[in-house]
């Protein structure tokens, strides 16, 4: 964590006088915002949040021309720190997900990587993305986009642990901030919401008030369903397990008990139910 902050500070100091053409446009939009020149501060090309933040800091500090660009890079360094904490939030949510999957048993007999190995892999990837791909010395909202993306993915993993109103409100706030940061996050927000909805639909026990369980889907049978069941043949109930689709064979005597036809053989023959696993592409 501290090593990442130190490396970011070094990159910001080395490129403190660098400037790109888009950065000049962001500064112009920010200055228009501080002067309340709304005709130039609000336009259809530049997303407002990043240039408005630059214009607010530069307008309040009023630096000399020599220190204007270093002040802009100081703001960029602050965005880098926010992106680092957003990445840490995502990493913690991912580690919690891995611990949950490991406690349930790794699929196909595989072995999950230990947490220290995941951390050692994750931080270099973040630093390479933030310092080389996005470039800390470039005056652009790309690091802010990275922070919003990490927060969005981490919040999706947190929502998996429990559906709370506060988490959904924070999730919507993050998507809104992302849209104001860069317009590309607006359609990606719909994609994220759609993916979260489809994942929610695929969860075992979706739609039940108790949040569902991992054992399988709830099955409700009506009286007409009981009448349509043949007492001679077995009854198969499909359910989604944690990693595969299973078929449960239930003895017809179970439904005879429910229908009131026979109660003597309940204790002896209701144990005929067996479970057979089939491939997930069933």
C-alpha atoms as a PDB file:
ATOM      1  CA  UNK A   1       0.000   0.000   0.000  1.00  0.00           C
ATOM      2  CA  UNK A   2       2.641   2.542   1.057  1.00  0.00           C
ATOM      3  CA  UNK A   3       4.961   1.346  -1.715  1.00  0.00           C
ATOM      4  CA  UNK A   4       2.215   2.044  -4.255  1.00  0.00           C
ATOM      5  CA  UNK A   5       1.651   5.553  -2.864  1.00  0.00           C
ATOM      6  CA  UNK A   6       5.399   6.210  -2.959  1.00  0.00           C
ATOM      7  CA  UNK A   7       5.674   5.079  -6.582  1.00  0.00           C
ATOM      8  CA  UNK A   8       2.714   7.238  -7.544  1.00  0.00           C
ATOM      9  CA  UNK A   9       4.247  10.256  -5.834  1.00  0.00           C
ATOM     10  CA  UNK A  10       7.519   9.710  -7.720  1.00  0.00           C
ATOM     11  CA  UNK A  11       5.675   9.510 -11.055  1.00  0.00           C
ATOM     12  CA  UNK A  12       3.686  12.650 -10.266  1.00  0.00           C
ATOM     13  CA  UNK A  13       6.850  14.580  -9.333  1.00  0.00           C
ATOM     14  CA  UNK A  14       8.810  13.464 -12.389  1.00  0.00           C
ATOM     15  CA  UNK A  15       5.988  14.531 -14.737  1.00  0.00           C
ATOM     16  CA  UNK A  16       4.931  17.649 -12.810  1.00  0.00           C
ATOM     17  CA  UNK A  17       5.465  19.960 -15.817  1.00  0.00           C
ATOM     18  CA  UNK A  18       4.041  17.638 -18.475  1.00  0.00           C
ATOM     19  CA  UNK A  19       0.838  18.562 -20.281  1.00  0.00           C
ATOM     20  CA  UNK A  20      -1.177  17.058 -23.121  1.00  0.00           C
ATOM     21  CA  UNK A  21      -3.669  18.731 -25.519  1.00  0.00           C
ATOM     22  CA  UNK A  22      -6.678  17.216 -23.779  1.00  0.00           C
ATOM     23  CA  UNK A  23      -5.317  18.492 -20.483  1.00  0.00           C
ATOM     24  CA  UNK A  24      -5.397  22.074 -21.762  1.00  0.00           C
ATOM     25  CA  UNK A  25      -9.012  21.596 -22.804  1.00  0.00           C
ATOM     26  CA  UNK A  26      -9.865  20.237 -19.352  1.00  0.00           C
ATOM     27  CA  UNK A  27      -8.219  23.282 -17.765  1.00  0.00           C
ATOM     28  CA  UNK A  28     -10.203  25.629 -20.020  1.00  0.00           C
ATOM     29  CA  UNK A  29     -13.469  23.907 -19.108  1.00  0.00           C
ATOM     30  CA  UNK A  30     -12.533  24.035 -15.427  1.00  0.00           C
ATOM     31  CA  UNK A  31     -11.709  27.741 -15.590  1.00  0.00           C
ATOM     32  CA  UNK A  32     -15.042  28.390 -17.308  1.00  0.00           C
ATOM     33  CA  UNK A  33     -16.787  26.520 -14.494  1.00  0.00           C
ATOM     34  CA  UNK A  34     -15.034  28.585 -11.831  1.00  0.00           C
ATOM     35  CA  UNK A  35     -15.957  31.813 -13.664  1.00  0.00           C
ATOM     36  CA  UNK A  36     -19.551  30.529 -13.988  1.00  0.00           C
ATOM     37  CA  UNK A  37     -19.328  30.686 -17.751  1.00  0.00           C
ATOM     38  CA  UNK A  38     -21.886  27.945 -18.210  1.00  0.00           C
ATOM     39  CA  UNK A  39     -21.905  28.176 -22.003  1.00  0.00           C
ATOM     40  CA  UNK A  40     -18.332  26.820 -22.056  1.00  0.00           C
ATOM     41  CA  UNK A  41     -18.361  24.897 -18.769  1.00  0.00           C
ATOM     42  CA  UNK A  42     -21.184  22.593 -19.931  1.00  0.00           C
ATOM     43  CA  UNK A  43     -20.740  21.011 -23.349  1.00  0.00           C
ATOM     44  CA  UNK A  44     -21.495  17.762 -25.093  1.00  0.00           C
ATOM     45  CA  UNK A  45     -17.870  16.682 -25.583  1.00  0.00           C
ATOM     46  CA  UNK A  46     -16.067  16.845 -22.214  1.00  0.00           C
ATOM     47  CA  UNK A  47     -17.444  15.085 -19.149  1.00  0.00           C
ATOM     48  CA  UNK A  48     -17.831  17.666 -16.386  1.00  0.00           C
ATOM     49  CA  UNK A  49     -16.618  16.127 -13.124  1.00  0.00           C
ATOM     50  CA  UNK A  50     -12.853  16.002 -13.748  1.00  0.00           C
ATOM     51  CA  UNK A  51     -12.415  19.450 -15.367  1.00  0.00           C
ATOM     52  CA  UNK A  52     -14.695  21.041 -12.768  1.00  0.00           C
ATOM     53  CA  UNK A  53     -12.516  19.572 -10.009  1.00  0.00           C
ATOM     54  CA  UNK A  54      -9.413  20.990 -11.698  1.00  0.00           C
ATOM     55  CA  UNK A  55     -11.036  24.385 -12.174  1.00  0.00           C
ATOM     56  CA  UNK A  56     -12.179  24.500  -8.554  1.00  0.00           C
ATOM     57  CA  UNK A  57      -8.725  23.668  -7.143  1.00  0.00           C
ATOM     58  CA  UNK A  58      -6.849  26.016  -9.491  1.00  0.00           C
ATOM     59  CA  UNK A  59      -9.394  28.797  -8.987  1.00  0.00           C
ATOM     60  CA  UNK A  60      -9.208  28.596  -5.203  1.00  0.00           C
ATOM     61  CA  UNK A  61      -5.411  28.200  -4.999  1.00  0.00           C
ATOM     62  CA  UNK A  62      -4.679  30.798  -7.744  1.00  0.00           C
ATOM     63  CA  UNK A  63      -1.123  29.574  -8.387  1.00  0.00           C
ATOM     64  CA  UNK A  64       1.450  31.385 -10.473  1.00  0.00           C
ATOM     65  CA  UNK A  65       1.946  30.134 -14.060  1.00  0.00           C
ATOM     66  CA  UNK A  66       5.027  28.253 -12.871  1.00  0.00           C
ATOM     67  CA  UNK A  67       3.075  26.177 -10.346  1.00  0.00           C
ATOM     68  CA  UNK A  68      -0.186  25.723 -12.211  1.00  0.00           C
ATOM     69  CA  UNK A  69       0.814  22.482 -13.919  1.00  0.00           C
ATOM     70  CA  UNK A  70       2.361  20.965 -10.738  1.00  0.00           C
ATOM     71  CA  UNK A  71      -0.885  21.764  -8.912  1.00  0.00           C
ATOM     72  CA  UNK A  72      -2.825  19.928 -11.611  1.00  0.00           C
ATOM     73  CA  UNK A  73      -0.576  16.895 -11.172  1.00  0.00           C
ATOM     74  CA  UNK A  74      -1.106  17.098  -7.415  1.00  0.00           C
ATOM     75  CA  UNK A  75      -4.830  16.747  -8.106  1.00  0.00           C
ATOM     76  CA  UNK A  76      -4.001  13.792 -10.363  1.00  0.00           C
ATOM     77  CA  UNK A  77      -2.028  12.229  -7.535  1.00  0.00           C
ATOM     78  CA  UNK A  78      -5.089  12.575  -5.292  1.00  0.00           C
ATOM     79  CA  UNK A  79      -7.142  10.778  -7.947  1.00  0.00           C
ATOM     80  CA  UNK A  80      -4.473   8.067  -8.008  1.00  0.00           C
ATOM     81  CA  UNK A  81      -4.805   7.599  -4.225  1.00  0.00           C
ATOM     82  CA  UNK A  82      -8.593   7.326  -4.578  1.00  0.00           C
ATOM     83  CA  UNK A  83      -8.113   4.721  -7.327  1.00  0.00           C
ATOM     84  CA  UNK A  84      -5.715   2.819  -5.063  1.00  0.00           C
ATOM     85  CA  UNK A  85      -8.249   2.646  -2.234  1.00  0.00           C
ATOM     86  CA  UNK A  86     -10.965   1.647  -4.734  1.00  0.00           C
ATOM     87  CA  UNK A  87      -8.716  -1.154  -5.957  1.00  0.00           C
ATOM     88  CA  UNK A  88      -8.096  -2.217  -2.355  1.00  0.00           C
ATOM     89  CA  UNK A  89     -11.869  -2.331  -1.809  1.00  0.00           C
ATOM     90  CA  UNK A  90     -12.223  -4.564  -4.886  1.00  0.00           C
ATOM     91  CA  UNK A  91      -9.362  -6.786  -3.749  1.00  0.00           C
ATOM     92  CA  UNK A  92     -10.885  -7.304  -0.305  1.00  0.00           C
ATOM     93  CA  UNK A  93     -14.246  -8.189  -1.837  1.00  0.00           C
ATOM     94  CA  UNK A  94     -12.510 -10.617  -4.205  1.00  0.00           C
ATOM     95  CA  UNK A  95     -10.583 -12.271  -1.349  1.00  0.00           C
ATOM     96  CA  UNK A  96     -13.811 -12.674   0.611  1.00  0.00           C
ATOM     97  CA  UNK A  97     -15.368 -14.312  -2.446  1.00  0.00           C
ATOM     98  CA  UNK A  98     -12.386 -16.668  -2.776  1.00  0.00           C
ATOM     99  CA  UNK A  99     -12.623 -17.613   0.917  1.00  0.00           C
ATOM    100  CA  UNK A 100     -16.306 -18.384   0.454  1.00  0.00           C
ATOM    101  CA  UNK A 101     -15.648 -20.540  -2.579  1.00  0.00           C
ATOM    102  CA  UNK A 102     -12.785 -22.324  -0.835  1.00  0.00           C
ATOM    103  CA  UNK A 103     -14.932 -23.124   2.195  1.00  0.00           C
ATOM    104  CA  UNK A 104     -17.543 -24.641  -0.115  1.00  0.00           C
ATOM    105  CA  UNK A 105     -14.908 -26.722  -1.900  1.00  0.00           C
ATOM    106  CA  UNK A 106     -13.018 -25.865  -5.082  1.00  0.00           C
ATOM    107  CA  UNK A 107     -14.772 -27.055  -8.275  1.00  0.00           C
ATOM    108  CA  UNK A 108     -13.322 -29.950 -10.231  1.00  0.00           C
ATOM    109  CA  UNK A 109     -10.908 -30.754  -7.426  1.00  0.00           C
ATOM    110  CA  UNK A 110      -8.843 -27.615  -8.131  1.00  0.00           C
ATOM    111  CA  UNK A 111      -6.770 -25.767  -5.577  1.00  0.00           C
ATOM    112  CA  UNK A 112      -7.316 -22.033  -5.064  1.00  0.00           C
ATOM    113  CA  UNK A 113      -4.335 -19.706  -4.785  1.00  0.00           C
ATOM    114  CA  UNK A 114      -3.517 -18.485  -1.261  1.00  0.00           C
ATOM    115  CA  UNK A 115      -4.390 -14.896  -0.395  1.00  0.00           C
ATOM    116  CA  UNK A 116      -0.792 -13.698  -0.230  1.00  0.00           C
ATOM    117  CA  UNK A 117      -0.235 -14.935  -3.790  1.00  0.00           C
ATOM    118  CA  UNK A 118      -3.335 -13.111  -5.025  1.00  0.00           C
ATOM    119  CA  UNK A 119      -2.168  -9.894  -3.341  1.00  0.00           C
ATOM    120  CA  UNK A 120       1.302 -10.206  -4.850  1.00  0.00           C
ATOM    121  CA  UNK A 121      -0.268 -10.642  -8.279  1.00  0.00           C
ATOM    122  CA  UNK A 122      -2.891  -7.928  -7.884  1.00  0.00           C
ATOM    123  CA  UNK A 123      -0.815  -4.927  -6.806  1.00  0.00           C
ATOM    124  CA  UNK A 124       1.729  -5.124  -9.676  1.00  0.00           C
ATOM    125  CA  UNK A 125      -1.174  -5.337 -12.138  1.00  0.00           C
ATOM    126  CA  UNK A 126      -2.733  -2.236 -10.582  1.00  0.00           C
ATOM    127  CA  UNK A 127       0.554  -0.300 -10.649  1.00  0.00           C
ATOM    128  CA  UNK A 128       1.237  -1.297 -14.249  1.00  0.00           C
ATOM    129  CA  UNK A 129      -2.268  -0.172 -15.256  1.00  0.00           C
ATOM    130  CA  UNK A 130      -2.222   3.090 -13.289  1.00  0.00           C
ATOM    131  CA  UNK A 131       1.357   4.173 -14.003  1.00  0.00           C
ATOM    132  CA  UNK A 132       2.011   2.776 -17.482  1.00  0.00           C
ATOM    133  CA  UNK A 133      -1.305   2.193 -19.258  1.00  0.00           C
ATOM    134  CA  UNK A 134      -3.223   5.171 -17.845  1.00  0.00           C
ATOM    135  CA  UNK A 135      -0.069   7.226 -17.012  1.00  0.00           C
ATOM    136  CA  UNK A 136      -0.284   9.287 -13.854  1.00  0.00           C
ATOM    137  CA  UNK A 137       1.417  12.271 -15.532  1.00  0.00           C
ATOM    138  CA  UNK A 138      -1.288  12.471 -18.216  1.00  0.00           C
ATOM    139  CA  UNK A 139      -3.977  15.074 -17.459  1.00  0.00           C
ATOM    140  CA  UNK A 140      -7.124  13.013 -18.076  1.00  0.00           C
ATOM    141  CA  UNK A 141      -9.939  11.385 -16.067  1.00  0.00           C
ATOM    142  CA  UNK A 142      -8.736   7.871 -16.912  1.00  0.00           C
ATOM    143  CA  UNK A 143      -7.600   7.153 -13.338  1.00  0.00           C
ATOM    144  CA  UNK A 144     -10.982   8.316 -12.062  1.00  0.00           C
ATOM    145  CA  UNK A 145     -12.637   5.924 -14.525  1.00  0.00           C
ATOM    146  CA  UNK A 146     -10.436   3.149 -13.162  1.00  0.00           C
ATOM    147  CA  UNK A 147     -11.503   4.021  -9.607  1.00  0.00           C
ATOM    148  CA  UNK A 148     -15.198   3.933 -10.554  1.00  0.00           C
ATOM    149  CA  UNK A 149     -14.752   0.593 -12.321  1.00  0.00           C
ATOM    150  CA  UNK A 150     -13.049  -0.950  -9.271  1.00  0.00           C
ATOM    151  CA  UNK A 151     -15.760   0.378  -6.956  1.00  0.00           C
ATOM    152  CA  UNK A 152     -18.489  -0.963  -9.249  1.00  0.00           C
ATOM    153  CA  UNK A 153     -16.979  -4.455  -9.418  1.00  0.00           C
ATOM    154  CA  UNK A 154     -16.310  -4.502  -5.668  1.00  0.00           C
ATOM    155  CA  UNK A 155     -19.843  -3.391  -4.876  1.00  0.00           C
ATOM    156  CA  UNK A 156     -21.244  -6.157  -7.084  1.00  0.00           C
ATOM    157  CA  UNK A 157     -19.282  -8.684  -5.031  1.00  0.00           C
ATOM    158  CA  UNK A 158     -20.521  -7.070  -1.813  1.00  0.00           C
ATOM    159  CA  UNK A 159     -24.105  -7.265  -3.043  1.00  0.00           C
ATOM    160  CA  UNK A 160     -23.584 -10.992  -3.470  1.00  0.00           C
ATOM    161  CA  UNK A 161     -23.078 -11.305   0.291  1.00  0.00           C
ATOM    162  CA  UNK A 162     -26.333  -9.571   1.163  1.00  0.00           C
ATOM    163  CA  UNK A 163     -29.003  -7.419  -0.474  1.00  0.00           C
ATOM    164  CA  UNK A 164     -29.177  -4.250   1.606  1.00  0.00           C
ATOM    165  CA  UNK A 165     -30.751  -0.950   0.646  1.00  0.00           C
ATOM    166  CA  UNK A 166     -27.636   1.041   1.577  1.00  0.00           C
ATOM    167  CA  UNK A 167     -25.452  -1.077  -0.694  1.00  0.00           C
ATOM    168  CA  UNK A 168     -27.838  -0.621  -3.600  1.00  0.00           C
ATOM    169  CA  UNK A 169     -27.872   3.150  -2.960  1.00  0.00           C
ATOM    170  CA  UNK A 170     -24.068   3.285  -2.935  1.00  0.00           C
ATOM    171  CA  UNK A 171     -23.990   1.169  -6.085  1.00  0.00           C
ATOM    172  CA  UNK A 172     -26.270   3.634  -7.876  1.00  0.00           C
ATOM    173  CA  UNK A 173     -24.201   6.585  -6.583  1.00  0.00           C
ATOM    174  CA  UNK A 174     -21.006   5.015  -7.942  1.00  0.00           C
ATOM    175  CA  UNK A 175     -22.603   4.513 -11.363  1.00  0.00           C
ATOM    176  CA  UNK A 176     -23.786   8.132 -11.367  1.00  0.00           C
ATOM    177  CA  UNK A 177     -20.334   9.457 -10.452  1.00  0.00           C
ATOM    178  CA  UNK A 178     -18.844   7.262 -13.166  1.00  0.00           C
ATOM    179  CA  UNK A 179     -21.174   8.771 -15.771  1.00  0.00           C
ATOM    180  CA  UNK A 180     -20.158  12.296 -14.733  1.00  0.00           C
ATOM    181  CA  UNK A 181     -16.514  11.233 -14.864  1.00  0.00           C
ATOM    182  CA  UNK A 182     -16.624   9.895 -18.422  1.00  0.00           C
ATOM    183  CA  UNK A 183     -19.544   9.265 -20.740  1.00  0.00           C
ATOM    184  CA  UNK A 184     -18.427   5.747 -21.661  1.00  0.00           C
ATOM    185  CA  UNK A 185     -19.461   4.590 -18.190  1.00  0.00           C
ATOM    186  CA  UNK A 186     -23.103   5.436 -18.942  1.00  0.00           C
ATOM    187  CA  UNK A 187     -23.736   2.450 -21.295  1.00  0.00           C
ATOM    188  CA  UNK A 188     -21.405   0.316 -19.184  1.00  0.00           C
ATOM    189  CA  UNK A 189     -23.649   1.101 -16.225  1.00  0.00           C
ATOM    190  CA  UNK A 190     -26.581  -0.527 -17.995  1.00  0.00           C
ATOM    191  CA  UNK A 191     -24.401  -3.511 -18.847  1.00  0.00           C
ATOM    192  CA  UNK A 192     -23.386  -3.810 -15.195  1.00  0.00           C
ATOM    193  CA  UNK A 193     -26.973  -3.580 -13.997  1.00  0.00           C
ATOM    194  CA  UNK A 194     -28.031  -6.200 -16.540  1.00  0.00           C
ATOM    195  CA  UNK A 195     -25.235  -8.535 -15.497  1.00  0.00           C
ATOM    196  CA  UNK A 196     -26.146  -8.102 -11.841  1.00  0.00           C
ATOM    197  CA  UNK A 197     -29.802  -8.802 -12.587  1.00  0.00           C
ATOM    198  CA  UNK A 198     -28.999 -11.944 -14.571  1.00  0.00           C
ATOM    199  CA  UNK A 199     -26.676 -13.130 -11.821  1.00  0.00           C
ATOM    200  CA  UNK A 200     -29.417 -12.481  -9.263  1.00  0.00           C
ATOM    201  CA  UNK A 201     -31.890 -14.480 -11.338  1.00  0.00           C
ATOM    202  CA  UNK A 202     -29.453 -17.389 -11.493  1.00  0.00           C
ATOM    203  CA  UNK A 203     -28.928 -17.504  -7.733  1.00  0.00           C
ATOM    204  CA  UNK A 204     -30.453 -20.512  -5.988  1.00  0.00           C
ATOM    205  CA  UNK A 205     -33.615 -19.525  -4.189  1.00  0.00           C
ATOM    206  CA  UNK A 206     -34.095 -16.328  -6.196  1.00  0.00           C
ATOM    207  CA  UNK A 207     -37.294 -14.531  -5.331  1.00  0.00           C
ATOM    208  CA  UNK A 208     -37.686 -15.919  -1.832  1.00  0.00           C
ATOM    209  CA  UNK A 209     -37.895 -13.551   1.117  1.00  0.00           C
ATOM    210  CA  UNK A 210     -35.213 -15.289   3.140  1.00  0.00           C
ATOM    211  CA  UNK A 211     -32.451 -14.551   0.634  1.00  0.00           C
ATOM    212  CA  UNK A 212     -32.241 -18.107  -0.668  1.00  0.00           C
ATOM    213  CA  UNK A 213     -29.934 -20.978   0.105  1.00  0.00           C
ATOM    214  CA  UNK A 214     -27.391 -22.862  -1.904  1.00  0.00           C
ATOM    215  CA  UNK A 215     -29.068 -26.240  -1.615  1.00  0.00           C
ATOM    216  CA  UNK A 216     -31.456 -25.710  -4.531  1.00  0.00           C
ATOM    217  CA  UNK A 217     -34.526 -24.005  -5.902  1.00  0.00           C
ATOM    218  CA  UNK A 218     -37.717 -24.024  -3.926  1.00  0.00           C
ATOM    219  CA  UNK A 219     -40.433 -26.199  -5.480  1.00  0.00           C
ATOM    220  CA  UNK A 220     -44.115 -25.447  -4.953  1.00  0.00           C
ATOM    221  CA  UNK A 221     -46.671 -28.072  -5.929  1.00  0.00           C
ATOM    222  CA  UNK A 222     -50.358 -27.402  -6.318  1.00  0.00           C
ATOM    223  CA  UNK A 223     -53.128 -29.914  -5.795  1.00  0.00           C
ATOM    224  CA  UNK A 224     -53.619 -30.267  -9.554  1.00  0.00           C
ATOM    225  CA  UNK A 225     -49.940 -31.142  -9.844  1.00  0.00           C
ATOM    226  CA  UNK A 226     -50.378 -33.922  -7.290  1.00  0.00           C
ATOM    227  CA  UNK A 227     -53.301 -35.333  -9.221  1.00  0.00           C
ATOM    228  CA  UNK A 228     -51.268 -35.343 -12.433  1.00  0.00           C
ATOM    229  CA  UNK A 229     -48.425 -37.373 -10.909  1.00  0.00           C
ATOM    230  CA  UNK A 230     -48.365 -40.996 -11.863  1.00  0.00           C
ATOM    231  CA  UNK A 231     -48.073 -43.179  -8.729  1.00  0.00           C
ATOM    232  CA  UNK A 232     -46.161 -45.854 -10.635  1.00  0.00           C
ATOM    233  CA  UNK A 233     -43.233 -43.767 -11.922  1.00  0.00           C
ATOM    234  CA  UNK A 234     -40.609 -41.653 -10.180  1.00  0.00           C
ATOM    235  CA  UNK A 235     -40.802 -37.856 -10.021  1.00  0.00           C
ATOM    236  CA  UNK A 236     -37.782 -35.806 -11.074  1.00  0.00           C
ATOM    237  CA  UNK A 237     -37.192 -32.294  -9.742  1.00  0.00           C
ATOM    238  CA  UNK A 238     -34.437 -30.253 -11.328  1.00  0.00           C
ATOM    239  CA  UNK A 239     -32.430 -27.911  -9.118  1.00  0.00           C
ATOM    240  CA  UNK A 240     -29.352 -25.737  -9.487  1.00  0.00           C
ATOM    241  CA  UNK A 241     -26.518 -26.587  -7.148  1.00  0.00           C
ATOM    242  CA  UNK A 242     -23.454 -24.474  -6.450  1.00  0.00           C
ATOM    243  CA  UNK A 243     -21.519 -25.773  -9.449  1.00  0.00           C
ATOM    244  CA  UNK A 244     -23.807 -28.093 -11.379  1.00  0.00           C
ATOM    245  CA  UNK A 245     -27.372 -28.921 -12.280  1.00  0.00           C
ATOM    246  CA  UNK A 246     -28.741 -31.882 -10.356  1.00  0.00           C
ATOM    247  CA  UNK A 247     -31.769 -34.084 -10.786  1.00  0.00           C
ATOM    248  CA  UNK A 248     -33.465 -35.353  -7.655  1.00  0.00           C
ATOM    249  CA  UNK A 249     -35.463 -38.564  -7.909  1.00  0.00           C
ATOM    250  CA  UNK A 250     -38.329 -38.571  -5.423  1.00  0.00           C
ATOM    251  CA  UNK A 251     -40.282 -41.671  -4.601  1.00  0.00           C
ATOM    252  CA  UNK A 252     -43.991 -41.479  -5.513  1.00  0.00           C
ATOM    253  CA  UNK A 253     -44.780 -42.512  -1.941  1.00  0.00           C
ATOM    254  CA  UNK A 254     -43.837 -39.035  -0.848  1.00  0.00           C
ATOM    255  CA  UNK A 255     -46.696 -37.622  -2.869  1.00  0.00           C
ATOM    256  CA  UNK A 256     -48.989 -40.433  -1.747  1.00  0.00           C
ATOM    257  CA  UNK A 257     -48.325 -39.264   1.778  1.00  0.00           C
ATOM    258  CA  UNK A 258     -49.098 -35.678   0.810  1.00  0.00           C
ATOM    259  CA  UNK A 259     -52.302 -36.752  -0.970  1.00  0.00           C
ATOM    260  CA  UNK A 260     -53.424 -38.864   1.987  1.00  0.00           C
ATOM    261  CA  UNK A 261     -53.496 -42.132   0.044  1.00  0.00           C
ATOM    262  CA  UNK A 262     -51.039 -44.059   2.121  1.00  0.00           C
ATOM    263  CA  UNK A 263     -49.289 -43.352   5.405  1.00  0.00           C
ATOM    264  CA  UNK A 264     -48.070 -46.788   6.479  1.00  0.00           C
ATOM    265  CA  UNK A 265     -45.162 -47.025   4.066  1.00  0.00           C
ATOM    266  CA  UNK A 266     -43.868 -43.468   4.678  1.00  0.00           C
ATOM    267  CA  UNK A 267     -41.034 -44.390   7.017  1.00  0.00           C
ATOM    268  CA  UNK A 268     -39.865 -47.377   4.966  1.00  0.00           C
ATOM    269  CA  UNK A 269     -40.112 -46.261   1.352  1.00  0.00           C
ATOM    270  CA  UNK A 270     -39.683 -42.458   1.449  1.00  0.00           C
ATOM    271  CA  UNK A 271     -35.935 -42.981   1.709  1.00  0.00           C
ATOM    272  CA  UNK A 272     -35.816 -44.132  -1.921  1.00  0.00           C
ATOM    273  CA  UNK A 273     -34.945 -40.597  -3.081  1.00  0.00           C
ATOM    274  CA  UNK A 274     -31.582 -40.429  -4.793  1.00  0.00           C
ATOM    275  CA  UNK A 275     -29.589 -37.645  -6.376  1.00  0.00           C
ATOM    276  CA  UNK A 276     -27.716 -37.964  -9.662  1.00  0.00           C
ATOM    277  CA  UNK A 277     -25.406 -35.239 -10.954  1.00  0.00           C
ATOM    278  CA  UNK A 278     -25.543 -34.255 -14.607  1.00  0.00           C
ATOM    279  CA  UNK A 279     -23.396 -31.761 -16.570  1.00  0.00           C
ATOM    280  CA  UNK A 280     -24.073 -28.059 -16.172  1.00  0.00           C
ATOM    281  CA  UNK A 281     -25.140 -27.800 -19.829  1.00  0.00           C
ATOM    282  CA  UNK A 282     -28.173 -30.001 -19.092  1.00  0.00           C
END
